[in-house]
Amino acid sequence: QVQVVESGGGLVQAGGSLRLSCAASGRTFGTYTVGWFRQAPGKERQFVAAIKWSGGTTYYANSAKGRFTISRDNAKNTVYLQMNSLKPEDTAIYYCAADGRPGATAQAMPSIKPNYWGQGTQVTVSS
Protein backbone atom coordinates (compact mmCIF):
# COMPACT_ATOMS: atom_id res chain seq x y z
CA GLN A 1 0.00 0.00 0.00
CA VAL A 2 1.07 3.57 -0.53
CA GLN A 3 1.51 6.22 2.14
CA VAL A 4 1.14 9.89 1.31
CA VAL A 5 2.66 12.89 3.06
CA GLU A 6 1.67 16.49 2.34
CA SER A 7 3.81 19.57 2.76
CA GLY A 8 3.94 23.18 1.64
CA GLY A 9 1.07 24.79 3.49
CA GLY A 10 1.36 28.11 5.23
CA LEU A 11 0.09 31.65 5.58
CA VAL A 12 -0.19 33.83 2.50
CA GLN A 13 -1.90 37.08 1.62
CA ALA A 14 -4.81 37.19 -0.77
CA GLY A 15 -3.56 37.16 -4.34
CA GLY A 16 -0.47 35.19 -3.41
CA SER A 17 0.65 31.69 -4.32
CA LEU A 18 1.55 28.44 -2.62
CA ARG A 19 2.68 25.07 -3.89
CA LEU A 20 1.63 21.97 -2.01
CA SER A 21 3.49 18.69 -2.35
CA CYS A 22 2.27 15.13 -1.90
CA ALA A 23 5.02 12.56 -1.66
CA ALA A 24 4.50 8.81 -1.81
CA SER A 25 6.27 6.31 0.35
CA GLY A 26 6.02 2.56 0.59
CA ARG A 27 5.53 2.26 -3.15
CA THR A 28 5.29 4.47 -6.20
CA PHE A 29 2.21 6.28 -7.44
CA GLY A 30 2.53 4.38 -10.72
CA THR A 31 -0.96 2.79 -10.79
CA TYR A 32 -2.74 5.36 -8.64
CA THR A 33 -4.87 8.41 -9.08
CA VAL A 34 -3.89 11.17 -6.68
CA GLY A 35 -6.22 13.92 -5.59
CA TRP A 36 -6.30 17.01 -3.44
CA PHE A 37 -9.21 17.73 -1.15
CA ARG A 38 -9.77 20.50 1.37
CA GLN A 39 -11.85 21.08 4.46
CA ALA A 40 -12.58 24.49 5.91
CA PRO A 41 -13.74 24.93 9.53
CA GLY A 42 -17.36 23.95 9.91
CA LYS A 43 -17.65 22.75 6.32
CA GLU A 44 -17.61 19.41 4.57
CA ARG A 45 -14.51 18.19 2.83
CA GLN A 46 -14.53 19.09 -0.84
CA PHE A 47 -12.67 17.93 -3.90
CA VAL A 48 -10.09 20.26 -5.45
CA ALA A 49 -8.15 18.47 -8.20
CA ALA A 50 -6.92 15.04 -9.25
CA ILE A 51 -4.38 13.49 -11.59
CA LYS A 52 -4.11 9.98 -12.98
CA TRP A 53 -0.45 9.14 -12.56
CA SER A 54 -0.33 6.97 -15.67
CA GLY A 55 -1.05 9.29 -18.57
CA GLY A 56 -1.38 12.46 -16.52
CA THR A 57 -5.11 13.04 -17.04
CA THR A 58 -6.31 15.81 -14.73
CA TYR A 59 -9.65 16.97 -13.39
CA TYR A 60 -10.52 20.10 -11.42
CA ALA A 61 -13.31 21.42 -9.29
CA ASN A 62 -14.88 24.56 -10.71
CA SER A 63 -13.44 26.57 -7.82
CA ALA A 64 -9.91 25.51 -8.83
CA LYS A 65 -10.09 25.92 -12.59
CA GLY A 66 -7.85 28.71 -13.88
CA ARG A 67 -6.11 29.24 -10.53
CA PHE A 68 -4.80 25.84 -9.43
CA THR A 69 -2.65 23.39 -11.36
CA ILE A 70 -2.04 19.77 -10.40
CA SER A 71 1.06 18.08 -11.76
CA ARG A 72 3.37 15.18 -11.08
CA ASP A 73 7.11 14.55 -10.98
CA ASN A 74 7.92 10.98 -11.91
CA ALA A 75 11.49 11.14 -10.64
CA LYS A 76 10.42 12.42 -7.23
CA ASN A 77 7.25 10.32 -7.02
CA THR A 78 5.46 13.49 -5.96
CA VAL A 79 2.26 15.29 -6.92
CA TYR A 80 2.07 19.06 -6.69
CA LEU A 81 -0.78 21.52 -6.37
CA GLN A 82 0.25 24.98 -7.53
CA MET A 83 -2.22 27.50 -6.17
CA ASN A 84 -2.25 31.03 -7.58
CA SER A 85 -4.48 34.05 -6.99
CA LEU A 86 -5.40 32.70 -3.58
CA LYS A 87 -8.51 33.99 -1.86
CA PRO A 88 -9.50 33.99 1.82
CA GLU A 89 -12.15 31.37 1.00
CA ASP A 90 -9.34 28.99 -0.01
CA THR A 91 -8.38 28.78 3.67
CA ALA A 92 -8.63 25.14 4.71
CA ILE A 93 -6.73 22.02 5.60
CA TYR A 94 -5.62 20.46 2.33
CA TYR A 95 -5.40 16.70 2.11
CA CYS A 96 -3.73 14.49 -0.44
CA ALA A 97 -5.39 11.18 -1.19
CA ALA A 98 -4.57 8.28 -3.46
CA ASP A 99 -6.58 5.43 -4.88
CA GLY A 100 -5.39 2.52 -6.97
CA ARG A 101 -8.69 0.82 -7.76
CA PRO A 102 -9.61 0.35 -11.43
CA GLY A 103 -12.47 2.86 -11.28
CA ALA A 104 -10.40 5.59 -9.67
CA THR A 105 -10.05 7.89 -12.62
CA ALA A 106 -9.29 11.56 -12.11
CA GLN A 107 -12.90 12.44 -12.97
CA ALA A 108 -14.21 9.86 -10.50
CA MET A 109 -12.23 11.17 -7.53
CA PRO A 110 -14.89 13.66 -6.36
CA SER A 111 -17.42 10.85 -5.97
CA ILE A 112 -15.36 8.01 -4.54
CA LYS A 113 -13.71 7.84 -1.17
CA PRO A 114 -9.99 7.35 -1.84
CA ASN A 115 -8.48 4.69 0.33
CA TYR A 116 -5.18 6.36 1.28
CA TRP A 117 -5.04 9.77 2.94
CA GLY A 118 -2.36 12.04 4.29
CA GLN A 119 -2.55 14.01 7.53
CA GLY A 120 -3.24 17.32 5.83
CA THR A 121 -1.49 20.66 5.60
CA GLN A 122 -2.97 23.99 6.69
CA VAL A 123 -3.39 26.77 4.14
CA THR A 124 -4.41 30.17 5.48
CA VAL A 125 -5.11 33.10 3.17
CA SER A 126 -5.37 36.49 4.83
CA SER A 127 -7.38 39.34 3.39
Foldseek 3Di string as FASTA:
>chain_A
DKAKAKDWADEEAAQAKTKMKIAIPPDACQQKKKFKWWDDPPGDIFTAKIFGNVPTDIDGDPVNPPFWDWDDDRVRSMIMIIGGRDDQVVWTWMKMAMARDPPPHRVCVRPDDGDYIYPTDTHGYHD
